[in-house]
Amino acid sequence: MRPFTYSRATSLDQAISESGHPHSAIMAGGTTLVDLMRGDLTGADQVIDIAHIPGLAEIEVEGETLRFGALARMADVAENTFLKHNYPALVESLQLAASQQIRNAATLGGNLLQRTRCVYFRDGVSDCNQRTPGSGCAALDGEDREMALFGTSDRCIATYPGDWGTALAAFDTTIEIASDSGRRVVDFADFHTAYGEDPARLSILRPGEIVTAILVKATPSGKRSTYIKVRDRQSYAYALTSAAVALETDGETVIAARVALGGVASKPWRAQAAEAVLIGRRLDEALAIEAGHAAFTDAKPLRHNQFKIELGARTVARAALVAKGKI
């Protein structure tokens, strides 16, 4: 671990001022950052602890919007009674993420910004354009079973690991960001960046900017939503494939649908082709499977992850049928 300085911010203004340094790192729950620093996987030489800034951990309903403070704990959201009844996909995605001990410490904002679990990034020695820009990507010629099918480039094929982010993509979500120039709100679809020429840049955040809240627009589809996750083991494993589906129905007919994919893309991935299949039609098992296959029409499989296409299609199909059955 390289030497670093530590400061505990007592106000958002202080945190913003100190985080303008290009090699600074924001710490909230610390469940990801500490691991990265132990492995010397981040170039941070200055850590700013924002966990004690007041006013950033509330979970509130503001008119037609659900507001999640960036410092809200994953465990608190996963046990929220209102959300369990009205937005089960948001709750289920957190219940299936990490261990209870980690959920007790980790924050929503930190979860959104967690780094990839790609083994070539995490081993600290392989060529990796995320860790060391310009060094190459060992995964391109290596084991790619867990790598992405969407949003990759010739510089990186790693998957985005988050469950919460995948669930958010199934709703109209925006991210509130604060800086010394004020606050701005961006669409969640634009928050994470595609790998392209610069895989090391994972979001639109600039030095001196801090996520303060996640905003989800209220929708009737919330009650008929679910998050399904398929993984190698049932305890503390990242998704091979996952799907968040939110539906609004009129009897057996789908009148609105949102479908998002996890474990298969460089960022939370919305599957609009699957939504188009579902809307306006009676949802049964055959239609659910058709929607699942539509979600993966544009997938780009590698040598070892072709299986994710069929697995992912079935994950979407199952999620659609489970969502339909929600009351």
C-alpha atoms as a PDB file:
ATOM      1  CA  MET A   1       0.000   0.000   0.000  1.00  0.00           C
ATOM      2  CA  ARG A   2       1.390   3.382  -0.981  1.00  0.00           C
ATOM      3  CA  PRO A   3       1.494   6.276   1.521  1.00  0.00           C
ATOM      4  CA  PHE A   4      -1.554   8.526   1.628  1.00  0.00           C
ATOM      5  CA  THR A   5      -3.030  11.350   3.641  1.00  0.00           C
ATOM      6  CA  TYR A   6      -6.423  11.072   5.318  1.00  0.00           C
ATOM      7  CA  SER A   7      -8.933  13.762   6.198  1.00  0.00           C
ATOM      8  CA  ARG A   8     -12.451  13.560   7.593  1.00  0.00           C
ATOM      9  CA  ALA A   9     -14.740  16.105   5.955  1.00  0.00           C
ATOM     10  CA  THR A  10     -17.369  17.644   8.202  1.00  0.00           C
ATOM     11  CA  SER A  11     -19.206  19.451   5.406  1.00  0.00           C
ATOM     12  CA  LEU A  12     -19.940  18.915   1.738  1.00  0.00           C
ATOM     13  CA  ASP A  13     -18.138  22.132   0.871  1.00  0.00           C
ATOM     14  CA  GLN A  14     -14.991  20.889   2.593  1.00  0.00           C
ATOM     15  CA  ALA A  15     -15.156  17.553   0.783  1.00  0.00           C
ATOM     16  CA  ILE A  16     -15.632  19.249  -2.577  1.00  0.00           C
ATOM     17  CA  SER A  17     -12.737  21.602  -1.962  1.00  0.00           C
ATOM     18  CA  GLU A  18     -10.351  18.819  -0.987  1.00  0.00           C
ATOM     19  CA  SER A  19     -11.418  16.397  -3.724  1.00  0.00           C
ATOM     20  CA  GLY A  20     -10.293  18.666  -6.548  1.00  0.00           C
ATOM     21  CA  HIS A  21      -6.852  17.074  -6.308  1.00  0.00           C
ATOM     22  CA  PRO A  22      -6.485  14.667  -9.296  1.00  0.00           C
ATOM     23  CA  HIS A  23      -5.162  11.826  -7.107  1.00  0.00           C
ATOM     24  CA  SER A  24      -7.699  12.156  -4.318  1.00  0.00           C
ATOM     25  CA  ALA A  25     -10.239   9.461  -3.493  1.00  0.00           C
ATOM     26  CA  ILE A  26     -13.590   9.791  -1.770  1.00  0.00           C
ATOM     27  CA  MET A  27     -14.299   7.231   0.967  1.00  0.00           C
ATOM     28  CA  ALA A  28     -17.751   6.565   2.409  1.00  0.00           C
ATOM     29  CA  GLY A  29     -18.292   2.978   3.595  1.00  0.00           C
ATOM     30  CA  GLY A  30     -14.774   2.102   2.492  1.00  0.00           C
ATOM     31  CA  THR A  31     -15.671  -1.474   1.557  1.00  0.00           C
ATOM     32  CA  THR A  32     -14.263  -1.143  -1.965  1.00  0.00           C
ATOM     33  CA  LEU A  33     -11.677   1.609  -1.603  1.00  0.00           C
ATOM     34  CA  VAL A  34      -9.766  -0.074   1.221  1.00  0.00           C
ATOM     35  CA  ASP A  35      -9.415  -3.263  -0.823  1.00  0.00           C
ATOM     36  CA  LEU A  36      -8.218  -1.295  -3.832  1.00  0.00           C
ATOM     37  CA  MET A  37      -5.638   0.566  -1.760  1.00  0.00           C
ATOM     38  CA  ARG A  38      -4.383  -2.602  -0.094  1.00  0.00           C
ATOM     39  CA  GLY A  39      -3.805  -4.072  -3.534  1.00  0.00           C
ATOM     40  CA  ASP A  40      -2.211  -0.872  -4.812  1.00  0.00           C
ATOM     41  CA  LEU A  41      -4.924  -0.781  -7.479  1.00  0.00           C
ATOM     42  CA  THR A  42      -5.603   2.932  -7.216  1.00  0.00           C
ATOM     43  CA  GLY A  43      -3.240   5.842  -7.582  1.00  0.00           C
ATOM     44  CA  ALA A  44      -4.870   7.742  -4.726  1.00  0.00           C
ATOM     45  CA  ASP A  45      -2.493   9.533  -2.369  1.00  0.00           C
ATOM     46  CA  GLN A  46      -5.210  11.499  -0.559  1.00  0.00           C
ATOM     47  CA  VAL A  47      -8.339   9.977   1.022  1.00  0.00           C
ATOM     48  CA  ILE A  48     -11.279  12.174   1.964  1.00  0.00           C
ATOM     49  CA  ASP A  49     -13.739  10.506   4.327  1.00  0.00           C
ATOM     50  CA  ILE A  50     -17.268  11.836   3.726  1.00  0.00           C
ATOM     51  CA  ALA A  51     -19.115   9.325   5.920  1.00  0.00           C
ATOM     52  CA  HIS A  52     -19.857  11.879   8.634  1.00  0.00           C
ATOM     53  CA  ILE A  53     -21.248  14.696   6.480  1.00  0.00           C
ATOM     54  CA  PRO A  54     -24.815  15.337   7.674  1.00  0.00           C
ATOM     55  CA  GLY A  55     -27.808  15.268   5.338  1.00  0.00           C
ATOM     56  CA  LEU A  56     -26.587  12.747   2.776  1.00  0.00           C
ATOM     57  CA  ALA A  57     -28.045   9.513   4.127  1.00  0.00           C
ATOM     58  CA  GLU A  58     -31.789  10.141   4.043  1.00  0.00           C
ATOM     59  CA  ILE A  59     -34.300   8.071   2.082  1.00  0.00           C
ATOM     60  CA  GLU A  60     -37.224  10.337   1.210  1.00  0.00           C
ATOM     61  CA  VAL A  61     -40.252  10.651  -1.049  1.00  0.00           C
ATOM     62  CA  GLU A  62     -40.354  14.131  -2.577  1.00  0.00           C
ATOM     63  CA  GLY A  63     -43.565  14.468  -4.593  1.00  0.00           C
ATOM     64  CA  GLU A  64     -43.162  12.166  -7.588  1.00  0.00           C
ATOM     65  CA  THR A  65     -39.547  11.326  -6.810  1.00  0.00           C
ATOM     66  CA  LEU A  66     -37.780   8.861  -4.517  1.00  0.00           C
ATOM     67  CA  ARG A  67     -34.639  10.474  -3.185  1.00  0.00           C
ATOM     68  CA  PHE A  68     -31.817   8.276  -1.898  1.00  0.00           C
ATOM     69  CA  GLY A  69     -28.975  10.114  -0.204  1.00  0.00           C
ATOM     70  CA  ALA A  70     -25.632   8.883  -1.508  1.00  0.00           C
ATOM     71  CA  LEU A  71     -24.571   7.891   2.017  1.00  0.00           C
ATOM     72  CA  ALA A  72     -27.653   5.764   2.676  1.00  0.00           C
ATOM     73  CA  ARG A  73     -26.505   2.292   3.693  1.00  0.00           C
ATOM     74  CA  MET A  74     -27.284  -0.612   1.393  1.00  0.00           C
ATOM     75  CA  ALA A  75     -28.719  -2.541   4.340  1.00  0.00           C
ATOM     76  CA  ASP A  76     -31.124   0.255   5.262  1.00  0.00           C
ATOM     77  CA  VAL A  77     -32.536   0.424   1.736  1.00  0.00           C
ATOM     78  CA  ALA A  78     -32.708  -3.372   1.474  1.00  0.00           C
ATOM     79  CA  GLU A  79     -34.934  -3.459   4.577  1.00  0.00           C
ATOM     80  CA  ASN A  80     -37.118  -0.452   3.762  1.00  0.00           C
ATOM     81  CA  THR A  81     -40.765  -1.510   4.087  1.00  0.00           C
ATOM     82  CA  PHE A  82     -42.145   1.087   1.661  1.00  0.00           C
ATOM     83  CA  LEU A  83     -39.681   0.062  -1.032  1.00  0.00           C
ATOM     84  CA  LYS A  84     -40.302  -3.650  -0.511  1.00  0.00           C
ATOM     85  CA  HIS A  85     -43.972  -3.128  -1.391  1.00  0.00           C
ATOM     86  CA  ASN A  86     -43.694  -0.441  -4.052  1.00  0.00           C
ATOM     87  CA  TYR A  87     -40.278  -0.998  -5.712  1.00  0.00           C
ATOM     88  CA  PRO A  88     -39.231  -4.587  -5.012  1.00  0.00           C
ATOM     89  CA  ALA A  89     -36.565  -4.606  -7.748  1.00  0.00           C
ATOM     90  CA  LEU A  90     -34.602  -1.933  -5.899  1.00  0.00           C
ATOM     91  CA  VAL A  91     -34.753  -3.889  -2.650  1.00  0.00           C
ATOM     92  CA  GLU A  92     -34.030  -7.286  -4.181  1.00  0.00           C
ATOM     93  CA  SER A  93     -30.967  -6.016  -6.025  1.00  0.00           C
ATOM     94  CA  LEU A  94     -29.441  -4.933  -2.714  1.00  0.00           C
ATOM     95  CA  GLN A  95     -30.473  -8.076  -0.849  1.00  0.00           C
ATOM     96  CA  LEU A  96     -28.565 -10.094  -3.462  1.00  0.00           C
ATOM     97  CA  ALA A  97     -25.501  -7.843  -3.374  1.00  0.00           C
ATOM     98  CA  ALA A  98     -22.507  -8.610  -1.159  1.00  0.00           C
ATOM     99  CA  SER A  99     -22.769 -10.019   2.365  1.00  0.00           C
ATOM    100  CA  GLN A 100     -24.890  -8.661   5.220  1.00  0.00           C
ATOM    101  CA  GLN A 101     -21.725  -7.332   6.888  1.00  0.00           C
ATOM    102  CA  ILE A 102     -20.752  -5.398   3.765  1.00  0.00           C
ATOM    103  CA  ARG A 103     -24.298  -4.116   3.240  1.00  0.00           C
ATOM    104  CA  ASN A 104     -24.233  -2.777   6.796  1.00  0.00           C
ATOM    105  CA  ALA A 105     -21.261  -0.563   5.909  1.00  0.00           C
ATOM    106  CA  ALA A 106     -21.462   0.097   2.175  1.00  0.00           C
ATOM    107  CA  THR A 107     -23.295   3.110   0.772  1.00  0.00           C
ATOM    108  CA  LEU A 108     -25.466   3.515  -2.311  1.00  0.00           C
ATOM    109  CA  GLY A 109     -23.129   6.063  -3.858  1.00  0.00           C
ATOM    110  CA  GLY A 110     -20.109   3.861  -3.310  1.00  0.00           C
ATOM    111  CA  ASN A 111     -21.923   0.884  -4.762  1.00  0.00           C
ATOM    112  CA  LEU A 112     -22.628   2.816  -7.960  1.00  0.00           C
ATOM    113  CA  LEU A 113     -18.945   3.658  -8.319  1.00  0.00           C
ATOM    114  CA  GLN A 114     -17.383   0.292  -7.467  1.00  0.00           C
ATOM    115  CA  ARG A 115     -14.599  -0.916  -9.714  1.00  0.00           C
ATOM    116  CA  THR A 116     -14.728  -3.960 -11.935  1.00  0.00           C
ATOM    117  CA  ARG A 117     -14.090  -7.450 -10.549  1.00  0.00           C
ATOM    118  CA  CYS A 118     -12.080  -8.406 -13.659  1.00  0.00           C
ATOM    119  CA  VAL A 119      -9.314 -10.742 -12.444  1.00  0.00           C
ATOM    120  CA  TYR A 120      -6.761  -9.059 -14.699  1.00  0.00           C
ATOM    121  CA  PHE A 121      -7.507  -5.707 -13.073  1.00  0.00           C
ATOM    122  CA  ARG A 122      -7.495  -7.140  -9.560  1.00  0.00           C
ATOM    123  CA  ASP A 123      -4.295  -9.193  -9.807  1.00  0.00           C
ATOM    124  CA  GLY A 124      -2.268  -5.996  -9.956  1.00  0.00           C
ATOM    125  CA  VAL A 125       0.313  -7.314 -12.445  1.00  0.00           C
ATOM    126  CA  SER A 126      -1.482  -8.123 -15.721  1.00  0.00           C
ATOM    127  CA  ASP A 127      -1.754  -5.599 -18.524  1.00  0.00           C
ATOM    128  CA  CYS A 128      -4.908  -3.592 -17.832  1.00  0.00           C
ATOM    129  CA  ASN A 129      -6.017  -0.355 -19.445  1.00  0.00           C
ATOM    130  CA  GLN A 130      -8.332   0.355 -16.517  1.00  0.00           C
ATOM    131  CA  ARG A 131      -5.517   0.166 -13.969  1.00  0.00           C
ATOM    132  CA  THR A 132      -2.671   1.458 -16.147  1.00  0.00           C
ATOM    133  CA  PRO A 133      -3.936   3.290 -19.251  1.00  0.00           C
ATOM    134  CA  GLY A 134      -2.063   2.271 -22.384  1.00  0.00           C
ATOM    135  CA  SER A 135      -0.696  -0.984 -20.928  1.00  0.00           C
ATOM    136  CA  GLY A 136      -3.087  -3.231 -22.883  1.00  0.00           C
ATOM    137  CA  CYS A 137      -5.790  -5.716 -21.908  1.00  0.00           C
ATOM    138  CA  ALA A 138      -4.704  -9.214 -20.870  1.00  0.00           C
ATOM    139  CA  ALA A 139      -8.301 -10.393 -20.947  1.00  0.00           C
ATOM    140  CA  LEU A 140      -8.461 -10.039 -24.735  1.00  0.00           C
ATOM    141  CA  ASP A 141      -6.255 -13.136 -25.112  1.00  0.00           C
ATOM    142  CA  GLY A 142      -7.030 -14.686 -21.746  1.00  0.00           C
ATOM    143  CA  GLU A 143      -9.900 -16.261 -19.839  1.00  0.00           C
ATOM    144  CA  ASP A 144     -13.047 -14.359 -20.790  1.00  0.00           C
ATOM    145  CA  ARG A 145     -15.842 -16.470 -19.244  1.00  0.00           C
ATOM    146  CA  GLU A 146     -17.027 -13.611 -17.033  1.00  0.00           C
ATOM    147  CA  MET A 147     -16.404 -10.783 -19.480  1.00  0.00           C
ATOM    148  CA  ALA A 148     -18.954  -8.533 -21.169  1.00  0.00           C
ATOM    149  CA  LEU A 149     -21.121  -8.995 -24.249  1.00  0.00           C
ATOM    150  CA  PHE A 150     -22.120  -5.339 -24.632  1.00  0.00           C
ATOM    151  CA  GLY A 151     -20.339  -2.002 -24.461  1.00  0.00           C
ATOM    152  CA  THR A 152     -16.820  -3.363 -24.823  1.00  0.00           C
ATOM    153  CA  SER A 153     -13.943  -1.990 -26.874  1.00  0.00           C
ATOM    154  CA  ASP A 154     -10.606  -3.241 -28.159  1.00  0.00           C
ATOM    155  CA  ARG A 155      -9.145  -1.831 -24.934  1.00  0.00           C
ATOM    156  CA  CYS A 156     -11.384  -3.412 -22.286  1.00  0.00           C
ATOM    157  CA  ILE A 157     -13.972  -6.202 -22.064  1.00  0.00           C
ATOM    158  CA  ALA A 158     -14.660  -6.189 -18.315  1.00  0.00           C
ATOM    159  CA  THR A 159     -18.159  -6.193 -16.855  1.00  0.00           C
ATOM    160  CA  TYR A 160     -19.709  -3.672 -14.512  1.00  0.00           C
ATOM    161  CA  PRO A 161     -20.265  -5.594 -11.251  1.00  0.00           C
ATOM    162  CA  GLY A 162     -23.142  -3.756  -9.565  1.00  0.00           C
ATOM    163  CA  ASP A 163     -26.634  -5.089  -8.834  1.00  0.00           C
ATOM    164  CA  TRP A 164     -28.124  -1.804  -7.568  1.00  0.00           C
ATOM    165  CA  GLY A 165     -27.098  -0.015 -10.768  1.00  0.00           C
ATOM    166  CA  THR A 166     -28.798  -2.648 -12.897  1.00  0.00           C
ATOM    167  CA  ALA A 167     -32.037  -2.203 -10.955  1.00  0.00           C
ATOM    168  CA  LEU A 168     -31.824   1.580 -11.281  1.00  0.00           C
ATOM    169  CA  ALA A 169     -31.574   1.221 -15.065  1.00  0.00           C
ATOM    170  CA  ALA A 170     -35.070  -0.278 -15.055  1.00  0.00           C
ATOM    171  CA  PHE A 171     -36.492   3.034 -13.830  1.00  0.00           C
ATOM    172  CA  ASP A 172     -36.303   6.694 -14.754  1.00  0.00           C
ATOM    173  CA  THR A 173     -33.289   7.514 -12.622  1.00  0.00           C
ATOM    174  CA  THR A 174     -31.108  10.586 -12.351  1.00  0.00           C
ATOM    175  CA  ILE A 175     -27.961  11.292 -10.370  1.00  0.00           C
ATOM    176  CA  GLU A 176     -27.401  14.491  -8.394  1.00  0.00           C
ATOM    177  CA  ILE A 177     -23.800  15.699  -8.365  1.00  0.00           C
ATOM    178  CA  ALA A 178     -22.339  18.569  -6.336  1.00  0.00           C
ATOM    179  CA  SER A 179     -19.244  20.639  -7.052  1.00  0.00           C
ATOM    180  CA  ASP A 180     -17.926  24.118  -6.258  1.00  0.00           C
ATOM    181  CA  SER A 181     -20.037  25.442  -9.135  1.00  0.00           C
ATOM    182  CA  GLY A 182     -23.293  24.109  -7.674  1.00  0.00           C
ATOM    183  CA  ARG A 183     -25.344  21.003  -8.325  1.00  0.00           C
ATOM    184  CA  ARG A 184     -26.191  19.270 -11.575  1.00  0.00           C
ATOM    185  CA  VAL A 185     -28.476  16.348 -12.340  1.00  0.00           C
ATOM    186  CA  VAL A 186     -27.642  13.814 -15.052  1.00  0.00           C
ATOM    187  CA  ASP A 187     -29.577  10.914 -16.510  1.00  0.00           C
ATOM    188  CA  PHE A 188     -28.443   7.621 -15.057  1.00  0.00           C
ATOM    189  CA  ALA A 189     -27.953   6.250 -18.581  1.00  0.00           C
ATOM    190  CA  ASP A 190     -25.230   8.858 -19.083  1.00  0.00           C
ATOM    191  CA  PHE A 191     -23.561   8.523 -15.669  1.00  0.00           C
ATOM    192  CA  HIS A 192     -21.368   5.501 -16.429  1.00  0.00           C
ATOM    193  CA  THR A 193     -19.274   5.810 -19.572  1.00  0.00           C
ATOM    194  CA  ALA A 194     -18.666   3.202 -22.244  1.00  0.00           C
ATOM    195  CA  TYR A 195     -15.090   1.944 -22.374  1.00  0.00           C
ATOM    196  CA  GLY A 196     -14.146   3.339 -25.770  1.00  0.00           C
ATOM    197  CA  GLU A 197     -10.651   4.823 -25.914  1.00  0.00           C
ATOM    198  CA  ASP A 198     -10.366   5.410 -22.155  1.00  0.00           C
ATOM    199  CA  PRO A 199     -11.514   2.434 -20.046  1.00  0.00           C
ATOM    200  CA  ALA A 200      -9.996   3.987 -16.909  1.00  0.00           C
ATOM    201  CA  ARG A 201     -12.723   6.624 -16.915  1.00  0.00           C
ATOM    202  CA  LEU A 202     -15.786   4.840 -15.596  1.00  0.00           C
ATOM    203  CA  SER A 203     -18.164   7.726 -14.999  1.00  0.00           C
ATOM    204  CA  ILE A 204     -18.695  11.340 -15.937  1.00  0.00           C
ATOM    205  CA  LEU A 205     -17.522  12.512 -12.509  1.00  0.00           C
ATOM    206  CA  ARG A 206     -14.745  15.099 -12.643  1.00  0.00           C
ATOM    207  CA  PRO A 207     -12.239  15.950  -9.892  1.00  0.00           C
ATOM    208  CA  GLY A 208     -14.063  17.981  -7.272  1.00  0.00           C
ATOM    209  CA  GLU A 209     -17.454  16.424  -7.996  1.00  0.00           C
ATOM    210  CA  ILE A 210     -19.307  14.240  -5.481  1.00  0.00           C
ATOM    211  CA  VAL A 211     -22.495  12.223  -5.919  1.00  0.00           C
ATOM    212  CA  THR A 212     -25.018  13.476  -3.370  1.00  0.00           C
ATOM    213  CA  ALA A 213     -28.237  11.632  -4.277  1.00  0.00           C
ATOM    214  CA  ILE A 214     -29.899   9.081  -6.522  1.00  0.00           C
ATOM    215  CA  LEU A 215     -33.335  10.155  -7.739  1.00  0.00           C
ATOM    216  CA  VAL A 216     -35.916   7.656  -9.001  1.00  0.00           C
ATOM    217  CA  LYS A 217     -39.118   8.884 -10.623  1.00  0.00           C
ATOM    218  CA  ALA A 218     -42.247   7.332  -9.149  1.00  0.00           C
ATOM    219  CA  THR A 219     -43.952   4.914 -11.524  1.00  0.00           C
ATOM    220  CA  PRO A 220     -46.830   2.413 -11.420  1.00  0.00           C
ATOM    221  CA  SER A 221     -44.331  -0.118 -12.818  1.00  0.00           C
ATOM    222  CA  GLY A 222     -42.516  -0.128  -9.506  1.00  0.00           C
ATOM    223  CA  LYS A 223     -44.878  -2.593  -7.850  1.00  0.00           C
ATOM    224  CA  ARG A 224     -44.513  -5.113 -10.668  1.00  0.00           C
ATOM    225  CA  SER A 225     -40.740  -5.128 -10.678  1.00  0.00           C
ATOM    226  CA  THR A 226     -38.120  -7.676  -9.741  1.00  0.00           C
ATOM    227  CA  TYR A 227     -34.402  -8.363  -9.885  1.00  0.00           C
ATOM    228  CA  ILE A 228     -33.157 -11.841 -10.780  1.00  0.00           C
ATOM    229  CA  LYS A 229     -29.471 -12.732 -10.388  1.00  0.00           C
ATOM    230  CA  VAL A 230     -27.692 -15.866 -11.614  1.00  0.00           C
ATOM    231  CA  ARG A 231     -24.266 -16.553 -10.107  1.00  0.00           C
ATOM    232  CA  ASP A 232     -21.822 -19.385  -9.579  1.00  0.00           C
ATOM    233  CA  ARG A 233     -22.736 -19.721  -5.895  1.00  0.00           C
ATOM    234  CA  GLN A 234     -25.589 -18.376  -3.810  1.00  0.00           C
ATOM    235  CA  SER A 235     -23.440 -16.534  -1.287  1.00  0.00           C
ATOM    236  CA  TYR A 236     -21.423 -13.426  -2.078  1.00  0.00           C
ATOM    237  CA  ALA A 237     -20.810 -13.815  -5.792  1.00  0.00           C
ATOM    238  CA  TYR A 238     -21.140 -11.382  -8.647  1.00  0.00           C
ATOM    239  CA  ALA A 239     -23.674 -11.918 -11.409  1.00  0.00           C
ATOM    240  CA  LEU A 240     -22.964 -14.064 -14.412  1.00  0.00           C
ATOM    241  CA  THR A 241     -26.216 -12.644 -15.713  1.00  0.00           C
ATOM    242  CA  SER A 242     -28.916 -10.607 -14.039  1.00  0.00           C
ATOM    243  CA  ALA A 243     -32.057  -8.801 -15.097  1.00  0.00           C
ATOM    244  CA  ALA A 244     -34.262  -6.117 -13.627  1.00  0.00           C
ATOM    245  CA  VAL A 245     -37.766  -5.921 -15.099  1.00  0.00           C
ATOM    246  CA  ALA A 246     -40.503  -3.402 -14.273  1.00  0.00           C
ATOM    247  CA  LEU A 247     -43.942  -3.791 -15.816  1.00  0.00           C
ATOM    248  CA  GLU A 248     -47.241  -1.981 -15.975  1.00  0.00           C
ATOM    249  CA  THR A 249     -50.081  -4.213 -17.073  1.00  0.00           C
ATOM    250  CA  ASP A 250     -53.733  -4.058 -18.049  1.00  0.00           C
ATOM    251  CA  GLY A 251     -54.992  -7.492 -17.228  1.00  0.00           C
ATOM    252  CA  GLU A 252     -52.613  -9.871 -18.985  1.00  0.00           C
ATOM    253  CA  THR A 253     -51.355  -7.235 -21.422  1.00  0.00           C
ATOM    254  CA  VAL A 254     -48.159  -5.276 -20.859  1.00  0.00           C
ATOM    255  CA  ILE A 255     -48.665  -1.549 -21.394  1.00  0.00           C
ATOM    256  CA  ALA A 256     -45.260  -0.374 -20.164  1.00  0.00           C
ATOM    257  CA  ALA A 257     -41.972  -2.224 -19.634  1.00  0.00           C
ATOM    258  CA  ARG A 258     -38.405  -1.518 -18.608  1.00  0.00           C
ATOM    259  CA  VAL A 259     -35.719  -4.199 -18.855  1.00  0.00           C
ATOM    260  CA  ALA A 260     -32.113  -3.873 -17.707  1.00  0.00           C
ATOM    261  CA  LEU A 261     -29.237  -6.359 -17.845  1.00  0.00           C
ATOM    262  CA  GLY A 262     -26.390  -6.960 -15.413  1.00  0.00           C
ATOM    263  CA  GLY A 263     -23.256  -9.096 -15.528  1.00  0.00           C
ATOM    264  CA  VAL A 264     -23.045  -8.836 -19.296  1.00  0.00           C
ATOM    265  CA  ALA A 265     -22.043  -5.256 -20.101  1.00  0.00           C
ATOM    266  CA  SER A 266     -19.526  -2.548 -19.340  1.00  0.00           C
ATOM    267  CA  LYS A 267     -22.212  -0.541 -17.516  1.00  0.00           C
ATOM    268  CA  PRO A 268     -25.830  -1.024 -16.396  1.00  0.00           C
ATOM    269  CA  TRP A 269     -27.435  -1.965 -19.688  1.00  0.00           C
ATOM    270  CA  ARG A 270     -30.977  -1.225 -20.766  1.00  0.00           C
ATOM    271  CA  ALA A 271     -32.513  -3.768 -23.169  1.00  0.00           C
ATOM    272  CA  GLN A 272     -34.963  -1.727 -25.199  1.00  0.00           C
ATOM    273  CA  ALA A 273     -35.370  -4.500 -27.777  1.00  0.00           C
ATOM    274  CA  ALA A 274     -36.836  -6.707 -25.055  1.00  0.00           C
ATOM    275  CA  GLU A 275     -39.146  -3.917 -23.929  1.00  0.00           C
ATOM    276  CA  ALA A 276     -40.455  -3.509 -27.474  1.00  0.00           C
ATOM    277  CA  VAL A 277     -41.318  -7.193 -27.618  1.00  0.00           C
ATOM    278  CA  LEU A 278     -43.285  -7.041 -24.375  1.00  0.00           C
ATOM    279  CA  ILE A 279     -45.295  -3.835 -24.796  1.00  0.00           C
ATOM    280  CA  GLY A 280     -48.819  -4.249 -26.129  1.00  0.00           C
ATOM    281  CA  ARG A 281     -48.843  -8.028 -25.920  1.00  0.00           C
ATOM    282  CA  ARG A 282     -50.188 -10.662 -23.537  1.00  0.00           C
ATOM    283  CA  LEU A 283     -47.361 -11.840 -21.329  1.00  0.00           C
ATOM    284  CA  ASP A 284     -46.978 -15.583 -21.123  1.00  0.00           C
ATOM    285  CA  GLU A 285     -43.976 -17.888 -21.046  1.00  0.00           C
ATOM    286  CA  ALA A 286     -43.510 -17.845 -24.814  1.00  0.00           C
ATOM    287  CA  LEU A 287     -43.487 -14.056 -24.967  1.00  0.00           C
ATOM    288  CA  ALA A 288     -41.121 -13.853 -21.997  1.00  0.00           C
ATOM    289  CA  ILE A 289     -38.641 -16.128 -23.773  1.00  0.00           C
ATOM    290  CA  GLU A 290     -39.012 -14.100 -26.976  1.00  0.00           C
ATOM    291  CA  ALA A 291     -38.225 -10.938 -25.027  1.00  0.00           C
ATOM    292  CA  GLY A 292     -35.219 -12.602 -23.429  1.00  0.00           C
ATOM    293  CA  HIS A 293     -33.753 -13.549 -26.779  1.00  0.00           C
ATOM    294  CA  ALA A 294     -34.458 -10.066 -28.136  1.00  0.00           C
ATOM    295  CA  ALA A 295     -32.414  -8.609 -25.266  1.00  0.00           C
ATOM    296  CA  PHE A 296     -29.319 -10.423 -26.547  1.00  0.00           C
ATOM    297  CA  THR A 297     -29.732  -9.969 -30.291  1.00  0.00           C
ATOM    298  CA  ASP A 298     -26.793  -7.551 -30.456  1.00  0.00           C
ATOM    299  CA  ALA A 299     -24.537  -9.422 -28.027  1.00  0.00           C
ATOM    300  CA  LYS A 300     -20.895  -9.890 -29.018  1.00  0.00           C
ATOM    301  CA  PRO A 301     -19.694 -13.135 -27.441  1.00  0.00           C
ATOM    302  CA  LEU A 302     -16.041 -14.018 -26.920  1.00  0.00           C
ATOM    303  CA  ARG A 303     -14.409 -17.455 -26.794  1.00  0.00           C
ATOM    304  CA  HIS A 304     -15.636 -18.568 -23.356  1.00  0.00           C
ATOM    305  CA  ASN A 305     -18.763 -16.530 -22.607  1.00  0.00           C
ATOM    306  CA  GLN A 306     -21.117 -17.587 -25.398  1.00  0.00           C
ATOM    307  CA  PHE A 307     -23.163 -19.365 -22.710  1.00  0.00           C
ATOM    308  CA  LYS A 308     -24.180 -16.000 -21.267  1.00  0.00           C
ATOM    309  CA  ILE A 309     -26.454 -15.332 -24.231  1.00  0.00           C
ATOM    310  CA  GLU A 310     -28.835 -18.209 -23.533  1.00  0.00           C
ATOM    311  CA  LEU A 311     -28.423 -17.875 -19.770  1.00  0.00           C
ATOM    312  CA  GLY A 312     -29.122 -14.149 -19.968  1.00  0.00           C
ATOM    313  CA  ALA A 313     -32.165 -14.649 -22.198  1.00  0.00           C
ATOM    314  CA  ARG A 314     -33.625 -17.087 -19.689  1.00  0.00           C
ATOM    315  CA  THR A 315     -32.819 -14.696 -16.847  1.00  0.00           C
ATOM    316  CA  VAL A 316     -34.812 -11.959 -18.573  1.00  0.00           C
ATOM    317  CA  ALA A 317     -37.682 -14.346 -19.274  1.00  0.00           C
ATOM    318  CA  ARG A 318     -37.847 -15.462 -15.661  1.00  0.00           C
ATOM    319  CA  ALA A 319     -37.693 -11.885 -14.411  1.00  0.00           C
ATOM    320  CA  ALA A 320     -40.545 -10.853 -16.703  1.00  0.00           C
ATOM    321  CA  LEU A 321     -42.774 -13.638 -15.434  1.00  0.00           C
ATOM    322  CA  VAL A 322     -41.882 -12.965 -11.792  1.00  0.00           C
ATOM    323  CA  ALA A 323     -42.555  -9.246 -12.253  1.00  0.00           C
ATOM    324  CA  LYS A 324     -45.930 -10.001 -13.803  1.00  0.00           C
ATOM    325  CA  GLY A 325     -46.849 -12.013 -10.725  1.00  0.00           C
ATOM    326  CA  LYS A 326     -46.046  -9.224  -8.283  1.00  0.00           C
ATOM    327  CA  ILE A 327     -49.000  -7.558  -6.588  1.00  0.00           C
END
